[in-house]
PDB file of N, CA and C in Angstrom:
ATOM      1  N   MET A   1      87.789 148.751  26.434  1.00  0.00           N
ATOM      2  CA  MET A   1      87.554 149.241  27.774  1.00  0.00           C
ATOM      3  C   MET A   1      86.825 148.185  28.614  1.00  0.00           C
ATOM      4  N   LEU A   2      85.817 147.642  27.994  1.00  0.00           N
ATOM      5  CA  LEU A   2      85.043 146.607  28.662  1.00  0.00           C
ATOM      6  C   LEU A   2      85.936 145.399  29.004  1.00  0.00           C
ATOM      7  N   HIS A   3      86.746 145.086  28.058  1.00  0.00           N
ATOM      8  CA  HIS A   3      87.675 143.981  28.249  1.00  0.00           C
ATOM      9  C   HIS A   3      88.621 144.270  29.413  1.00  0.00           C
ATOM     10  N   ARG A   4      89.089 145.502  29.442  1.00  0.00           N
ATOM     11  CA  ARG A   4      90.007 145.947  30.497  1.00  0.00           C
ATOM     12  C   ARG A   4      89.331 145.896  31.864  1.00  0.00           C
ATOM     13  N   LYS A   5      88.074 146.321  31.897  1.00  0.00           N
ATOM     14  CA  LYS A   5      87.307 146.329  33.135  1.00  0.00           C
ATOM     15  C   LYS A   5      87.132 144.897  33.660  1.00  0.00           C
ATOM     16  N   ARG A   6      86.818 144.009  32.746  1.00  0.00           N
ATOM     17  CA  ARG A   6      86.662 142.597  33.113  1.00  0.00           C
ATOM     18  C   ARG A   6      87.978 142.033  33.666  1.00  0.00           C
ATOM     19  N   GLU A   7      88.998 142.382  32.996  1.00  0.00           N
ATOM     20  CA  GLU A   7      90.317 141.921  33.398  1.00  0.00           C
ATOM     21  C   GLU A   7      90.645 142.418  34.819  1.00  0.00           C
ATOM     22  N   LEU A   8      90.350 143.654  35.060  1.00  0.00           N
ATOM     23  CA  LEU A   8      90.580 144.222  36.391  1.00  0.00           C
ATOM     24  C   LEU A   8      89.730 143.530  37.446  1.00  0.00           C
ATOM     25  N   GLN A   9      88.478 143.298  37.084  1.00  0.00           N
ATOM     26  CA  GLN A   9      87.587 142.602  38.023  1.00  0.00           C
ATOM     27  C   GLN A   9      88.110 141.196  38.308  1.00  0.00           C
ATOM     28  N   GLN A  10      88.539 140.567  37.264  1.00  0.00           N
ATOM     29  CA  GLN A  10      89.065 139.216  37.417  1.00  0.00           C
ATOM     30  C   GLN A  10      90.309 139.228  38.320  1.00  0.00           C
ATOM     31  N   ARG A  11      91.147 140.235  38.089  1.00  0.00           N
ATOM     32  CA  ARG A  11      92.359 140.391  38.899  1.00  0.00           C
ATOM     33  C   ARG A  11      91.992 140.633  40.360  1.00  0.00           C
ATOM     34  N   LYS A  12      90.977 141.497  40.516  1.00  0.00           N
ATOM     35  CA  LYS A  12      90.502 141.823  41.860  1.00  0.00           C
ATOM     36  C   LYS A  12      89.996 140.542  42.554  1.00  0.00           C
ATOM     37  N   GLN A  13      89.233 139.771  41.787  1.00  0.00           N
ATOM     38  CA  GLN A  13      88.701 138.509  42.288  1.00  0.00           C
ATOM     39  C   GLN A  13      89.842 137.570  42.689  1.00  0.00           C
ATOM     40  N   GLU A  14      90.829 137.459  41.808  1.00  0.00           N
ATOM     41  CA  GLU A  14      91.977 136.602  42.080  1.00  0.00           C
ATOM     42  C   GLU A  14      92.723 137.058  43.333  1.00  0.00           C
ATOM     43  N   LEU A  15      92.874 138.350  43.477  1.00  0.00           N
ATOM     44  CA  LEU A  15      93.533 138.905  44.652  1.00  0.00           C
ATOM     45  C   LEU A  15      92.754 138.562  45.921  1.00  0.00           C
ATOM     46  N   GLN A  16      91.421 138.659  45.840  1.00  0.00           N
ATOM     47  CA  GLN A  16      90.583 138.322  46.993  1.00  0.00           C
ATOM     48  C   GLN A  16      90.755 136.844  47.344  1.00  0.00           C
ATOM     49  N   TRP A  17      90.769 136.017  46.301  1.00  0.00           N
ATOM     50  CA  TRP A  17      90.969 134.591  46.534  1.00  0.00           C
ATOM     51  C   TRP A  17      92.323 134.335  47.189  1.00  0.00           C
ATOM     52  N   SER A  18      93.309 135.001  46.642  1.00  0.00           N
ATOM     53  CA  SER A  18      94.655 134.840  47.201  1.00  0.00           C
ATOM     54  C   SER A  18      94.685 135.299  48.651  1.00  0.00           C
ATOM     55  N   LYS A  19      94.013 136.424  48.914  1.00  0.00           N
ATOM     56  CA  LYS A  19      93.956 136.951  50.278  1.00  0.00           C
ATOM     57  C   LYS A  19      93.301 135.935  51.222  1.00  0.00           C
ATOM     58  N   ARG A  20      92.155 135.384  50.754  1.00  0.00           N
ATOM     59  CA  ARG A  20      91.467 134.370  51.558  1.00  0.00           C
ATOM     60  C   ARG A  20      92.362 133.157  51.796  1.00  0.00           C
ATOM     61  N   GLU A  21      93.015 132.743  50.734  1.00  0.00           N
ATOM     62  CA  GLU A  21      93.914 131.596  50.846  1.00  0.00           C
ATOM     63  C   GLU A  21      95.023 131.869  51.854  1.00  0.00           C
ATOM     64  N   LEU A  22      95.593 133.070  51.773  1.00  0.00           N
ATOM     65  CA  LEU A  22      96.633 133.465  52.713  1.00  0.00           C
ATOM     66  C   LEU A  22      96.104 133.453  54.148  1.00  0.00           C
ATOM     67  N   GLN A  23      94.883 133.960  54.322  1.00  0.00           N
ATOM     68  CA  GLN A  23      94.291 133.973  55.658  1.00  0.00           C
ATOM     69  C   GLN A  23      94.093 132.537  56.172  1.00  0.00           C
ATOM     70  N   GLN A  24      93.589 131.695  55.277  1.00  0.00           N
ATOM     71  CA  GLN A  24      93.396 130.288  55.676  1.00  0.00           C
ATOM     72  C   GLN A  24      94.732 129.634  56.037  1.00  0.00           C
ATOM     73  N   ASN A  25      95.715 129.876  55.186  1.00  0.00           N
ATOM     74  CA  ASN A  25      97.040 129.303  55.462  1.00  0.00           C
ATOM     75  C   ASN A  25      97.593 129.824  56.788  1.00  0.00           C
ATOM     76  N   SER A  26      97.356 131.089  57.033  1.00  0.00           N
ATOM     77  CA  SER A  26      97.818 131.705  58.272  1.00  0.00           C
ATOM     78  C   SER A  26      97.144 131.038  59.470  1.00  0.00           C
ATOM     79  N   ARG A  27      95.821 130.804  59.355  1.00  0.00           N
ATOM     80  CA  ARG A  27      95.095 130.119  60.428  1.00  0.00           C
ATOM     81  C   ARG A  27      95.650 128.709  60.642  1.00  0.00           C
ATOM     82  N   LYS A  28      95.864 128.029  59.506  1.00  0.00           N
ATOM     83  CA  LYS A  28      96.404 126.673  59.599  1.00  0.00           C
ATOM     84  C   LYS A  28      97.774 126.679  60.267  1.00  0.00           C
ATOM     85  N   LEU A  29      98.598 127.655  59.892  1.00  0.00           N
ATOM     86  CA  LEU A  29      99.919 127.770  60.489  1.00  0.00           C
ATOM     87  C   LEU A  29      99.832 127.981  61.997  1.00  0.00           C
ATOM     88  N   LYS A  30      98.916 128.873  62.386  1.00  0.00           N
ATOM     89  CA  LYS A  30      98.727 129.137  63.807  1.00  0.00           C
ATOM     90  C   LYS A  30      98.323 127.858  64.524  1.00  0.00           C
ATOM     91  N   LEU A  31      97.385 127.126  63.895  1.00  0.00           N
ATOM     92  CA  LEU A  31      96.938 125.861  64.484  1.00  0.00           C
ATOM     93  C   LEU A  31      98.103 124.877  64.614  1.00  0.00           C
ATOM     94  N   SER A  32      98.862 124.740  63.524  1.00  0.00           N
ATOM     95  CA  SER A  32      99.949 123.767  63.576  1.00  0.00           C
ATOM     96  C   SER A  32     101.018 124.219  64.574  1.00  0.00           C
ATOM     97  N   ARG A  33     101.223 125.537  64.708  1.00  0.00           N
ATOM     98  CA  ARG A  33     102.163 126.019  65.728  1.00  0.00           C
ATOM     99  C   ARG A  33     101.653 125.651  67.110  1.00  0.00           C
ATOM    100  N   LYS A  34     100.332 125.848  67.296  1.00  0.00           N
ATOM    101  CA  LYS A  34      99.715 125.507  68.573  1.00  0.00           C
ATOM    102  C   LYS A  34      99.882 124.008  68.859  1.00  0.00           C
ATOM    103  N   GLU A  35      99.581 123.202  67.834  1.00  0.00           N
ATOM    104  CA  GLU A  35      99.736 121.753  67.979  1.00  0.00           C
ATOM    105  C   GLU A  35     101.176 121.379  68.310  1.00  0.00           C
ATOM    106  N   LEU A  36     102.097 122.044  67.609  1.00  0.00           N
ATOM    107  CA  LEU A  36     103.509 121.794  67.876  1.00  0.00           C
ATOM    108  C   LEU A  36     103.854 122.104  69.320  1.00  0.00           C
ATOM    109  N   GLN A  37     103.366 123.248  69.787  1.00  0.00           N
ATOM    110  CA  GLN A  37     103.614 123.655  71.177  1.00  0.00           C
ATOM    111  C   GLN A  37     103.046 122.617  72.144  1.00  0.00           C
ATOM    112  N   GLN A  38     101.807 122.176  71.834  1.00  0.00           N
ATOM    113  CA  GLN A  38     101.173 121.173  72.684  1.00  0.00           C
ATOM    114  C   GLN A  38     101.979 119.877  72.698  1.00  0.00           C
ATOM    115  N   ARG A  39     102.409 119.470  71.527  1.00  0.00           N
ATOM    116  CA  ARG A  39     103.204 118.234  71.441  1.00  0.00           C
ATOM    117  C   ARG A  39     104.516 118.365  72.198  1.00  0.00           C
ATOM    118  N   LYS A  40     105.144 119.551  72.049  1.00  0.00           N
ATOM    119  CA  LYS A  40     106.384 119.789  72.793  1.00  0.00           C
ATOM    120  C   LYS A  40     106.123 119.641  74.286  1.00  0.00           C
ATOM    121  N   GLN A  41     105.014 120.255  74.736  1.00  0.00           N
ATOM    122  CA  GLN A  41     104.640 120.190  76.148  1.00  0.00           C
ATOM    123  C   GLN A  41     104.422 118.738  76.572  1.00  0.00           C
ATOM    124  N   GLU A  42     103.690 117.981  75.740  1.00  0.00           N
ATOM    125  CA  GLU A  42     103.440 116.568  76.047  1.00  0.00           C
ATOM    126  C   GLU A  42     104.747 115.784  76.135  1.00  0.00           C
ATOM    127  N   LEU A  43     105.646 116.073  75.182  1.00  0.00           N
ATOM    128  CA  LEU A  43     106.942 115.390  75.196  1.00  0.00           C
ATOM    129  C   LEU A  43     107.718 115.710  76.466  1.00  0.00           C
ATOM    130  N   GLN A  44     107.667 116.977  76.880  1.00  0.00           N
ATOM    131  CA  GLN A  44     108.348 117.354  78.128  1.00  0.00           C
ATOM    132  C   GLN A  44     107.772 116.595  79.308  1.00  0.00           C
ATOM    133  N   TRP A  45     106.443 116.541  79.359  1.00  0.00           N
ATOM    134  CA  TRP A  45     105.787 115.797  80.440  1.00  0.00           C
ATOM    135  C   TRP A  45     106.196 114.330  80.420  1.00  0.00           C
ATOM    136  N   ASN A  46     106.192 113.784  79.186  1.00  0.00           N
ATOM    137  CA  ASN A  46     106.592 112.374  79.056  1.00  0.00           C
ATOM    138  C   ASN A  46     108.020 112.164  79.549  1.00  0.00           C
ATOM    139  N   ARG A  47     108.924 113.089  79.143  1.00  0.00           N
ATOM    140  CA  ARG A  47     110.315 112.984  79.575  1.00  0.00           C
ATOM    141  C   ARG A  47     110.417 113.040  81.094  1.00  0.00           C
ATOM    142  N   ARG A  48     109.679 114.010  81.664  1.00  0.00           N
ATOM    143  CA  ARG A  48     109.696 114.140  83.127  1.00  0.00           C
ATOM    144  C   ARG A  48     109.167 112.862  83.783  1.00  0.00           C
ATOM    145  N   GLY A  49     108.074 112.356  83.209  1.00  0.00           N
ATOM    146  CA  GLY A  49     107.498 111.111  83.734  1.00  0.00           C
ATOM    147  C   GLY A  49     108.487 109.966  83.648  1.00  0.00           C
ATOM    148  N   LEU A  50     109.182 109.868  82.504  1.00  0.00           N
ATOM    149  CA  LEU A  50     110.169 108.801  82.320  1.00  0.00           C
ATOM    150  C   LEU A  50     111.326 108.950  83.299  1.00  0.00           C
ATOM    151  N   GLN A  51     111.772 110.196  83.490  1.00  0.00           N
ATOM    152  CA  GLN A  51     112.858 110.426  84.444  1.00  0.00           C
ATOM    153  C   GLN A  51     112.423 110.004  85.849  1.00  0.00           C
ATOM    154  N   GLN A  52     111.188 110.379  86.194  1.00  0.00           N
ATOM    155  CA  GLN A  52     110.646 110.000  87.504  1.00  0.00           C
ATOM    156  C   GLN A  52     110.598 108.481  87.634  1.00  0.00           C
ATOM    157  N   ASN A  53     110.094 107.816  86.578  1.00  0.00           N
ATOM    158  CA  ASN A  53     110.028 106.342  86.586  1.00  0.00           C
ATOM    159  C   ASN A  53     111.416 105.743  86.742  1.00  0.00           C
ATOM    160  N   ARG A  54     112.386 106.329  86.014  1.00  0.00           N
ATOM    161  CA  ARG A  54     113.760 105.824  86.081  1.00  0.00           C
ATOM    162  C   ARG A  54     114.301 105.949  87.503  1.00  0.00           C
ATOM    163  N   ARG A  55     114.053 107.118  88.117  1.00  0.00           N
ATOM    164  CA  ARG A  55     114.517 107.316  89.499  1.00  0.00           C
ATOM    165  C   ARG A  55     113.881 106.298  90.438  1.00  0.00           C
ATOM    166  N   GLU A  56     112.563 106.104  90.272  1.00  0.00           N
ATOM    167  CA  GLU A  56     111.861 105.135  91.125  1.00  0.00           C
ATOM    168  C   GLU A  56     112.408 103.732  90.922  1.00  0.00           C
ATOM    169  N   LEU A  57     112.667 103.369  89.657  1.00  0.00           N
ATOM    170  CA  LEU A  57     113.217 102.042  89.373  1.00  0.00           C
ATOM    171  C   LEU A  57     114.600 101.864  89.993  1.00  0.00           C
ATOM    172  N   GLN A  58     115.434 102.913  89.885  1.00  0.00           N
ATOM    173  CA  GLN A  58     116.768 102.838  90.471  1.00  0.00           C
ATOM    174  C   GLN A  58     116.667 102.656  91.983  1.00  0.00           C
ATOM    175  N   GLN A  59     115.750 103.404  92.591  1.00  0.00           N
ATOM    176  CA  GLN A  59     115.563 103.296  94.032  1.00  0.00           C
ATOM    177  C   GLN A  59     115.096 101.884  94.400  1.00  0.00           C
ATOM    178  N   ARG A  60     114.153 101.373  93.625  1.00  0.00           N
ATOM    179  CA  ARG A  60     113.620 100.024  93.870  1.00  0.00           C
ATOM    180  C   ARG A  60     114.722  98.974  93.720  1.00  0.00           C
ATOM    181  N   ASN A  61     115.539  99.146  92.666  1.00  0.00           N
ATOM    182  CA  ASN A  61     116.660  98.225  92.450  1.00  0.00           C
ATOM    183  C   ASN A  61     117.613  98.255  93.640  1.00  0.00           C
ATOM    184  N   GLN A  62     117.897  99.480  94.120  1.00  0.00           N
ATOM    185  CA  GLN A  62     118.787  99.620  95.277  1.00  0.00           C
ATOM    186  C   GLN A  62     118.207  98.880  96.475  1.00  0.00           C
ATOM    187  N   GLU A  63     116.901  99.082  96.706  1.00  0.00           N
ATOM    188  CA  GLU A  63     116.241  98.407  97.824  1.00  0.00           C
ATOM    189  C   GLU A  63     116.324  96.894  97.669  1.00  0.00           C
ATOM    190  N   LEU A  64     116.097  96.424  96.438  1.00  0.00           N
ATOM    191  CA  LEU A  64     116.170  94.976  96.188  1.00  0.00           C
ATOM    192  C   LEU A  64     117.570  94.445  96.433  1.00  0.00           C
ATOM    193  N   GLN A  65     118.581  95.223  96.021  1.00  0.00           N
ATOM    194  CA  GLN A  65     119.965  94.788  96.259  1.00  0.00           C
ATOM    195  C   GLN A  65     120.234  94.682  97.750  1.00  0.00           C
ATOM    196  N   TRP A  66     119.755  95.685  98.503  1.00  0.00           N
ATOM    197  CA  TRP A  66     119.943  95.627  99.956  1.00  0.00           C
ATOM    198  C   TRP A  66     119.239  94.409 100.536  1.00  0.00           C
ATOM    199  N   SER A  67     118.013  94.165 100.051  1.00  0.00           N
ATOM    200  CA  SER A  67     117.264  92.999 100.544  1.00  0.00           C
ATOM    201  C   SER A  67     118.030  91.716 100.252  1.00  0.00           C
ATOM    202  N   ARG A  68     118.573  91.626  99.040  1.00  0.00           N
ATOM    203  CA  ARG A  68     119.349  90.436  98.675  1.00  0.00           C
ATOM    204  C   ARG A  68     120.559  90.269  99.586  1.00  0.00           C
ATOM    205  N   LYS A  69     121.244  91.398  99.832  1.00  0.00           N
ATOM    206  CA  LYS A  69     122.419  91.329 100.704  1.00  0.00           C
ATOM    207  C   LYS A  69     122.021  90.887 102.107  1.00  0.00           C
ATOM    208  N   GLU A  70     120.910  91.452 102.606  1.00  0.00           N
ATOM    209  CA  GLU A  70     120.433  91.064 103.934  1.00  0.00           C
ATOM    210  C   GLU A  70     120.110  89.571 103.970  1.00  0.00           C
ATOM    211  N   LEU A  71     119.442  89.097 102.911  1.00  0.00           N
ATOM    212  CA  LEU A  71     119.112  87.666 102.852  1.00  0.00           C
ATOM    213  C   LEU A  71     120.367  86.806 102.846  1.00  0.00           C
ATOM    214  N   GLN A  72     121.375  87.246 102.069  1.00  0.00           N
ATOM    215  CA  GLN A  72     122.630  86.487 102.020  1.00  0.00           C
ATOM    216  C   GLN A  72     123.262  86.426 103.410  1.00  0.00           C
ATOM    217  N   LEU A  73     123.245  87.585 104.098  1.00  0.00           N
ATOM    218  CA  LEU A  73     123.834  87.613 105.438  1.00  0.00           C
ATOM    219  C   LEU A  73     123.081  86.684 106.386  1.00  0.00           C
ATOM    220  N   ARG A  74     121.757  86.735 106.327  1.00  0.00           N
ATOM    221  CA  ARG A  74     120.956  85.853 107.191  1.00  0.00           C
ATOM    222  C   ARG A  74     121.239  84.388 106.891  1.00  0.00           C
ATOM    223  N   LYS A  75     121.327  84.096 105.578  1.00  0.00           N
ATOM    224  CA  LYS A  75     121.616  82.723 105.153  1.00  0.00           C
ATOM    225  C   LYS A  75     122.962  82.276 105.728  1.00  0.00           C
ATOM    226  N   GLN A  76     123.954  83.184 105.617  1.00  0.00           N
ATOM    227  CA  GLN A  76     125.288  82.883 106.133  1.00  0.00           C
ATOM    228  C   GLN A  76     125.234  82.632 107.639  1.00  0.00           C
ATOM    229  N   GLU A  77     124.505  83.512 108.344  1.00  0.00           N
ATOM    230  CA  GLU A  77     124.379  83.346 109.797  1.00  0.00           C
ATOM    231  C   GLU A  77     123.744  81.999 110.138  1.00  0.00           C
ATOM    232  N   LEU A  78     122.686  81.654 109.388  1.00  0.00           N
ATOM    233  CA  LEU A  78     122.023  80.369 109.633  1.00  0.00           C
ATOM    234  C   LEU A  78     122.969  79.200 109.382  1.00  0.00           C
ATOM    235  N   GLN A  79     123.779  79.316 108.323  1.00  0.00           N
ATOM    236  CA  GLN A  79     124.737  78.246 108.024  1.00  0.00           C
ATOM    237  C   GLN A  79     125.724  78.098 109.175  1.00  0.00           C
ATOM    238  N   TRP A  80     126.226  79.236 109.657  1.00  0.00           N
ATOM    239  CA  TRP A  80     127.175  79.187 110.770  1.00  0.00           C
ATOM    240  C   TRP A  80     126.513  78.572 111.997  1.00  0.00           C
ATOM    241  N   LYS A  81     125.272  79.008 112.239  1.00  0.00           N
ATOM    242  CA  LYS A  81     124.530  78.485 113.381  1.00  0.00           C
ATOM    243  C   LYS A  81     124.376  76.969 113.240  1.00  0.00           C
ATOM    244  N   ARG A  82     123.954  76.541 112.040  1.00  0.00           N
ATOM    245  CA  ARG A  82     123.746  75.127 111.778  1.00  0.00           C
ATOM    246  C   ARG A  82     125.039  74.356 111.982  1.00  0.00           C
ATOM    247  N   ARG A  83     126.146  74.910 111.436  1.00  0.00           N
ATOM    248  CA  ARG A  83     127.440  74.232 111.586  1.00  0.00           C
ATOM    249  C   ARG A  83     127.803  74.135 113.060  1.00  0.00           C
ATOM    250  N   GLY A  84     127.552  75.260 113.755  1.00  0.00           N
ATOM    251  CA  GLY A  84     127.844  75.260 115.182  1.00  0.00           C
ATOM    252  C   GLY A  84     127.017  74.223 115.903  1.00  0.00           C
ATOM    253  N   LEU A  85     125.744  74.129 115.562  1.00  0.00           N
ATOM    254  CA  LEU A  85     124.855  73.151 116.193  1.00  0.00           C
ATOM    255  C   LEU A  85     125.278  71.734 115.855  1.00  0.00           C
ATOM    256  N   GLN A  86     125.663  71.535 114.598  1.00  0.00           N
ATOM    257  CA  GLN A  86     126.120  70.197 114.197  1.00  0.00           C
ATOM    258  C   GLN A  86     127.362  69.816 114.992  1.00  0.00           C
ATOM    259  N   GLN A  87     128.252  70.778 115.140  1.00  0.00           N
ATOM    260  CA  GLN A  87     129.479  70.535 115.902  1.00  0.00           C
ATOM    261  C   GLN A  87     129.131  70.187 117.349  1.00  0.00           C
ATOM    262  N   LYS A  88     128.215  70.972 117.929  1.00  0.00           N
ATOM    263  CA  LYS A  88     127.801  70.700 119.314  1.00  0.00           C
ATOM    264  C   LYS A  88     127.170  69.321 119.426  1.00  0.00           C
ATOM    265  N   ARG A  89     126.322  68.974 118.442  1.00  0.00           N
ATOM    266  CA  ARG A  89     125.669  67.663 118.467  1.00  0.00           C
ATOM    267  C   ARG A  89     126.713  66.552 118.437  1.00  0.00           C
ATOM    268  N   ARG A  90     127.717  66.727 117.575  1.00  0.00           N
ATOM    269  CA  ARG A  90     128.790  65.727 117.495  1.00  0.00           C
ATOM    270  C   ARG A  90     129.495  65.603 118.844  1.00  0.00           C
ATOM    271  N   GLU A  91     129.788  66.778 119.422  1.00  0.00           N
ATOM    272  CA  GLU A  91     130.472  66.756 120.719  1.00  0.00           C
ATOM    273  C   GLU A  91     129.611  66.049 121.768  1.00  0.00           C
ATOM    274  N   LEU A  92     128.311  66.364 121.770  1.00  0.00           N
ATOM    275  CA  LEU A  92     127.407  65.736 122.740  1.00  0.00           C
ATOM    276  C   LEU A  92     127.313  64.231 122.512  1.00  0.00           C
ATOM    277  N   GLN A  93     127.218  63.829 121.234  1.00  0.00           N
ATOM    278  CA  GLN A  93     127.166  62.401 120.937  1.00  0.00           C
ATOM    279  C   GLN A  93     128.437  61.710 121.429  1.00  0.00           C
ATOM    280  N   HIS A  94     129.565  62.381 121.199  1.00  0.00           N
ATOM    281  CA  HIS A  94     130.846  61.819 121.630  1.00  0.00           C
ATOM    282  C   HIS A  94     130.860  61.672 123.156  1.00  0.00           C
ATOM    283  N   ARG A  95     130.437  62.730 123.842  1.00  0.00           N
ATOM    284  CA  ARG A  95     130.388  62.676 125.309  1.00  0.00           C
ATOM    285  C   ARG A  95     129.446  61.588 125.786  1.00  0.00           C
ATOM    286  N   TRP A  96     128.313  61.458 125.104  1.00  0.00           N
ATOM    287  CA  TRP A  96     127.318  60.435 125.471  1.00  0.00           C
ATOM    288  C   TRP A  96     127.921  59.045 125.354  1.00  0.00           C
ATOM    289  N   ARG A  97     128.621  58.800 124.236  1.00  0.00           N
ATOM    290  CA  ARG A  97     129.281  57.496 124.056  1.00  0.00           C
ATOM    291  C   ARG A  97     130.299  57.250 125.168  1.00  0.00           C
ATOM    292  N   GLU A  98     131.083  58.298 125.465  1.00  0.00           N
ATOM    293  CA  GLU A  98     132.076  58.161 126.538  1.00  0.00           C
ATOM    294  C   GLU A  98     131.383  57.814 127.852  1.00  0.00           C
ATOM    295  N   LEU A  99     130.283  58.514 128.133  1.00  0.00           N
ATOM    296  CA  LEU A  99     129.535  58.243 129.366  1.00  0.00           C
ATOM    297  C   LEU A  99     129.007  56.811 129.386  1.00  0.00           C
ATOM    298  N   GLN A 100     128.452  56.388 128.244  1.00  0.00           N
ATOM    299  CA  GLN A 100     127.938  55.022 128.150  1.00  0.00           C
ATOM    300  C   GLN A 100     129.050  54.011 128.402  1.00  0.00           C
ATOM    301  N   GLN A 101     130.196  54.263 127.781  1.00  0.00           N
ATOM    302  CA  GLN A 101     131.332  53.346 127.969  1.00  0.00           C
ATOM    303  C   GLN A 101     131.756  53.311 129.436  1.00  0.00           C
ATOM    304  N   ARG A 102     131.864  54.507 130.050  1.00  0.00           N
ATOM    305  CA  ARG A 102     132.244  54.573 131.461  1.00  0.00           C
ATOM    306  C   ARG A 102     131.242  53.839 132.337  1.00  0.00           C
ATOM    307  N   LYS A 103     129.968  54.047 131.990  1.00  0.00           N
ATOM    308  CA  LYS A 103     128.897  53.391 132.745  1.00  0.00           C
ATOM    309  C   LYS A 103     129.076  51.867 132.678  1.00  0.00           C
ATOM    310  N   GLN A 104     129.297  51.373 131.450  1.00  0.00           N
ATOM    311  CA  GLN A 104     129.487  49.919 131.271  1.00  0.00           C
ATOM    312  C   GLN A 104     130.716  49.435 132.040  1.00  0.00           C
ATOM    313  N   GLU A 105     131.797  50.222 131.931  1.00  0.00           N
ATOM    314  CA  GLU A 105     133.024  49.844 132.643  1.00  0.00           C
ATOM    315  C   GLU A 105     132.784  49.792 134.152  1.00  0.00           C
ATOM    316  N   GLU A 106     132.078  50.807 134.667  1.00  0.00           N
ATOM    317  CA  GLU A 106     131.789  50.843 136.107  1.00  0.00           C
ATOM    318  C   GLU A 106     130.917  49.662 136.513  1.00  0.00           C
ATOM    319  N   ARG A 107     129.947  49.301 135.679  1.00  0.00           N
ATOM    320  CA  ARG A 107     129.092  48.136 135.961  1.00  0.00           C
ATOM    321  C   ARG A 107     129.931  46.858 136.031  1.00  0.00           C
ATOM    322  N   ARG A 108     130.820  46.747 135.024  1.00  0.00           N
ATOM    323  CA  ARG A 108     131.700  45.562 135.006  1.00  0.00           C
ATOM    324  C   ARG A 108     132.534  45.499 136.294  1.00  0.00           C
ATOM    325  N   GLU A 109     133.091  46.683 136.634  1.00  0.00           N
ATOM    326  CA  GLU A 109     133.910  46.733 137.843  1.00  0.00           C
ATOM    327  C   GLU A 109     133.080  46.343 139.064  1.00  0.00           C
ATOM    328  N   LEU A 110     131.855  46.885 139.119  1.00  0.00           N
ATOM    329  CA  LEU A 110     130.965  46.559 140.241  1.00  0.00           C
ATOM    330  C   LEU A 110     130.694  45.057 140.303  1.00  0.00           C
ATOM    331  N   GLN A 111     130.386  44.502 139.141  1.00  0.00           N
ATOM    332  CA  GLN A 111     130.103  43.069 139.094  1.00  0.00           C
ATOM    333  C   GLN A 111     131.340  42.265 139.516  1.00  0.00           C
ATOM    334  N   GLN A 112     132.483  42.703 139.054  1.00  0.00           N
ATOM    335  CA  GLN A 112     133.725  42.021 139.428  1.00  0.00           C
ATOM    336  C   GLN A 112     133.945  42.121 140.934  1.00  0.00           C
ATOM    337  N   ASN A 113     133.705  43.330 141.431  1.00  0.00           N
ATOM    338  CA  ASN A 113     133.866  43.532 142.880  1.00  0.00           C
ATOM    339  C   ASN A 113     132.886  42.654 143.656  1.00  0.00           C
ATOM    340  N   LYS A 114     131.660  42.555 143.164  1.00  0.00           N
ATOM    341  CA  LYS A 114     130.661  41.707 143.830  1.00  0.00           C
ATOM    342  C   LYS A 114     131.134  40.261 143.833  1.00  0.00           C
ATOM    343  N   ARG A 115     131.619  39.785 142.681  1.00  0.00           N
ATOM    344  CA  ARG A 115     132.113  38.405 142.577  1.00  0.00           C
ATOM    345  C   ARG A 115     133.261  38.161 143.551  1.00  0.00           C
ATOM    346  N   GLN A 116     134.167  39.134 143.583  1.00  0.00           N
ATOM    347  CA  GLN A 116     135.309  38.975 144.471  1.00  0.00           C
ATOM    348  C   GLN A 116     134.866  38.935 145.930  1.00  0.00           C
ATOM    349  N   LEU A 117     133.885  39.804 146.242  1.00  0.00           N
ATOM    350  CA  LEU A 117     133.367  39.815 147.598  1.00  0.00           C
ATOM    351  C   LEU A 117     132.742  38.452 147.932  1.00  0.00           C
ATOM    352  N   GLN A 118     131.975  37.914 147.000  1.00  0.00           N
ATOM    353  CA  GLN A 118     131.332  36.620 147.217  1.00  0.00           C
ATOM    354  C   GLN A 118     132.384  35.529 147.349  1.00  0.00           C
ATOM    355  N   GLN A 119     133.409  35.625 146.551  1.00  0.00           N
ATOM    356  CA  GLN A 119     134.463  34.602 146.607  1.00  0.00           C
ATOM    357  C   GLN A 119     135.251  34.707 147.914  1.00  0.00           C
ATOM    358  N   ASN A 120     135.435  35.932 148.366  1.00  0.00           N
ATOM    359  CA  ASN A 120     136.178  36.165 149.596  1.00  0.00           C
ATOM    360  C   ASN A 120     135.396  35.697 150.825  1.00  0.00           C
ATOM    361  N   ARG A 121     134.130  35.572 150.779  1.00  0.00           N
ATOM    362  CA  ARG A 121     133.331  35.197 151.952  1.00  0.00           C
ATOM    363  C   ARG A 121     133.404  33.755 152.173  1.00  0.00           C
TER     364      ARG A 121
END
């Protein structure tokens, strides 16, 4: 009988231990579920943040592409302007030479006319 009583007490003790263990495990499970939920939430935030960053980067890239295109257009305009100016300069130089030549020719003619006038007198 005594042996049986001890055995029952021991069983009771073991059951209490098991109960405590189950309670502890249950608490741990709740904690890990909570942690999991928190991590899920953090991951969602991170994803949202990354999506936002991606959108901002795409927008920035678009702006940079537009800036590049604008720069190319300005560069092209400047080249055309420069070519136009170079062409005008060439034309002006050509006209200047023509004027100089005409001037020299007119001087020669004047001098010839002066000589002829002197000879005729």
